[in-house]
Amino acid sequence: MNFGEAVSSFFRNYVNFSGRASRSEFWYSYLFIFIVGIVLVIVDAIVKNEIISSIWNLAILLPTLAMTARRLHDINRSGWHQLLAGLFPIGPIALIIWYCKKSDDTVTLTEIERVFR
């Protein structure tokens, strides 16, 4: 998946917490979020107001949580594992390792159940 497809998928799956997100979709989306965030912070500094970046951060909150949950599903982890980020410093380290982990192609029980419905 290239950069444009990843960003498109990020916004298309705005609040889709089910399914999977590949490593490239995850990291390209975070790169996009980072670049736009830097640009908006510069714009806020010029305008001397923090409202633009605050609106952006609020707008991407749910899609970021959804994409992270889909990335964790891709390695057969629960999306709730995002809460480990609050257990500093061990939690974020474990999450970064999982985010970098290669996709797990094994089929989960819910996917098998969907086939037989």
Protein backbone atom coordinates (compact mmCIF):
# COMPACT_ATOMS: atom_id res chain seq x y z
CA MET A 1 0.00 0.00 0.00
CA ASN A 2 1.42 3.37 -0.98
CA PHE A 3 1.14 6.70 0.84
CA GLY A 4 -1.99 7.93 -0.95
CA GLU A 5 -3.85 4.65 -0.53
CA ALA A 6 -2.96 4.56 3.17
CA VAL A 7 -4.25 8.08 3.81
CA SER A 8 -7.39 7.31 1.80
CA SER A 9 -7.96 4.14 3.81
CA PHE A 10 -7.37 6.08 7.03
CA PHE A 11 -10.23 8.48 6.27
CA ARG A 12 -12.46 5.87 4.57
CA ASN A 13 -12.37 3.68 7.70
CA TYR A 14 -13.03 6.67 9.94
CA VAL A 15 -14.59 4.75 12.84
CA ASN A 16 -14.18 1.17 11.66
CA PHE A 17 -12.71 -0.69 14.62
CA SER A 18 -12.99 -4.11 12.98
CA GLY A 19 -10.78 -5.62 10.34
CA ARG A 20 -7.07 -5.27 9.82
CA ALA A 21 -4.58 -2.54 8.94
CA SER A 22 -1.25 -3.42 7.38
CA ARG A 23 2.04 -2.01 8.60
CA SER A 24 2.30 0.28 5.58
CA GLU A 25 -1.23 1.65 6.11
CA PHE A 26 -0.48 2.26 9.78
CA TRP A 27 2.91 3.95 9.38
CA TYR A 28 2.00 5.99 6.28
CA SER A 29 -1.11 7.25 8.07
CA TYR A 30 0.95 8.25 11.10
CA LEU A 31 3.44 9.99 8.80
CA PHE A 32 0.56 11.94 7.25
CA ILE A 33 -0.80 12.86 10.70
CA PHE A 34 2.68 13.99 11.81
CA ILE A 35 3.31 16.13 8.69
CA VAL A 36 -0.10 17.81 8.85
CA GLY A 37 0.36 18.35 12.60
CA ILE A 38 3.71 20.09 12.08
CA VAL A 39 2.26 22.33 9.35
CA LEU A 40 -0.71 23.26 11.54
CA VAL A 41 1.52 24.06 14.52
CA ILE A 42 3.50 26.42 12.26
CA VAL A 43 0.26 28.01 11.04
CA ASP A 44 -0.91 28.35 14.64
CA ALA A 45 2.36 30.06 15.56
CA ILE A 46 1.94 32.53 12.71
CA VAL A 47 -1.69 33.22 13.60
CA LYS A 48 -0.83 33.19 17.34
CA ASN A 49 -3.76 30.91 18.07
CA GLU A 50 -3.91 27.18 18.80
CA ILE A 51 -7.44 26.56 17.56
CA ILE A 52 -6.51 25.07 14.16
CA SER A 53 -4.26 22.34 15.50
CA SER A 54 -6.72 21.65 18.32
CA ILE A 55 -9.53 21.07 15.82
CA TRP A 56 -7.23 18.80 13.77
CA ASN A 57 -6.26 16.77 16.83
CA LEU A 58 -9.90 16.37 17.80
CA ALA A 59 -10.88 15.42 14.24
CA ILE A 60 -8.30 12.62 13.99
CA LEU A 61 -8.84 11.17 17.47
CA LEU A 62 -11.39 8.49 16.51
CA PRO A 63 -9.81 7.48 13.19
CA THR A 64 -6.43 7.14 14.91
CA LEU A 65 -7.88 4.91 17.62
CA ALA A 66 -9.71 2.86 14.97
CA MET A 67 -6.60 2.46 12.81
CA THR A 68 -4.52 1.44 15.81
CA ALA A 69 -7.14 -1.13 16.81
CA ARG A 70 -7.11 -2.54 13.26
CA ARG A 71 -3.29 -2.69 13.35
CA LEU A 72 -3.41 -4.65 16.58
CA HIS A 73 -6.03 -6.96 15.05
CA ASP A 74 -3.59 -7.57 12.19
CA ILE A 75 -1.17 -9.18 14.62
CA ASN A 76 -3.99 -11.00 16.45
CA ARG A 77 -4.09 -8.68 19.46
CA SER A 78 -7.13 -6.99 20.93
CA GLY A 79 -7.68 -3.33 20.14
CA TRP A 80 -7.96 -2.77 23.87
CA HIS A 81 -4.20 -3.27 24.10
CA GLN A 82 -3.95 0.44 23.17
CA LEU A 83 -4.56 1.13 26.85
CA LEU A 84 -1.05 -0.17 27.55
CA ALA A 85 0.22 3.22 26.39
CA GLY A 86 -0.74 4.54 29.82
CA LEU A 87 1.71 2.19 31.56
CA PHE A 88 4.81 4.26 30.90
CA PRO A 89 7.56 3.26 29.99
CA ILE A 90 6.91 -0.46 29.43
CA GLY A 91 3.49 -0.14 27.74
CA PRO A 92 4.53 2.19 24.90
CA ILE A 93 7.63 0.07 24.21
CA ALA A 94 5.50 -3.07 23.89
CA LEU A 95 3.06 -1.25 21.61
CA ILE A 96 5.80 0.06 19.31
CA ILE A 97 7.22 -3.46 19.01
CA TRP A 98 3.75 -4.78 18.15
CA TYR A 99 3.15 -1.98 15.63
CA CYS A 100 6.37 -2.98 13.85
CA LYS A 101 5.56 -6.69 13.92
CA LYS A 102 4.84 -8.48 10.67
CA SER A 103 1.19 -9.29 9.96
CA ASP A 104 -0.10 -12.55 11.35
CA ASP A 105 -1.88 -14.48 8.61
CA THR A 106 -3.50 -17.02 10.89
CA VAL A 107 -7.26 -16.95 10.78
CA THR A 108 -9.11 -15.91 13.92
CA LEU A 109 -12.21 -17.64 15.25
CA THR A 110 -14.50 -14.72 14.33
CA GLU A 111 -13.32 -14.90 10.71
CA ILE A 112 -14.07 -18.63 10.61
CA GLU A 113 -17.54 -17.99 12.09
CA ARG A 114 -18.24 -15.38 9.39
CA VAL A 115 -17.52 -17.92 6.65
CA PHE A 116 -20.11 -20.34 7.99
CA ARG A 117 -22.92 -17.81 8.50
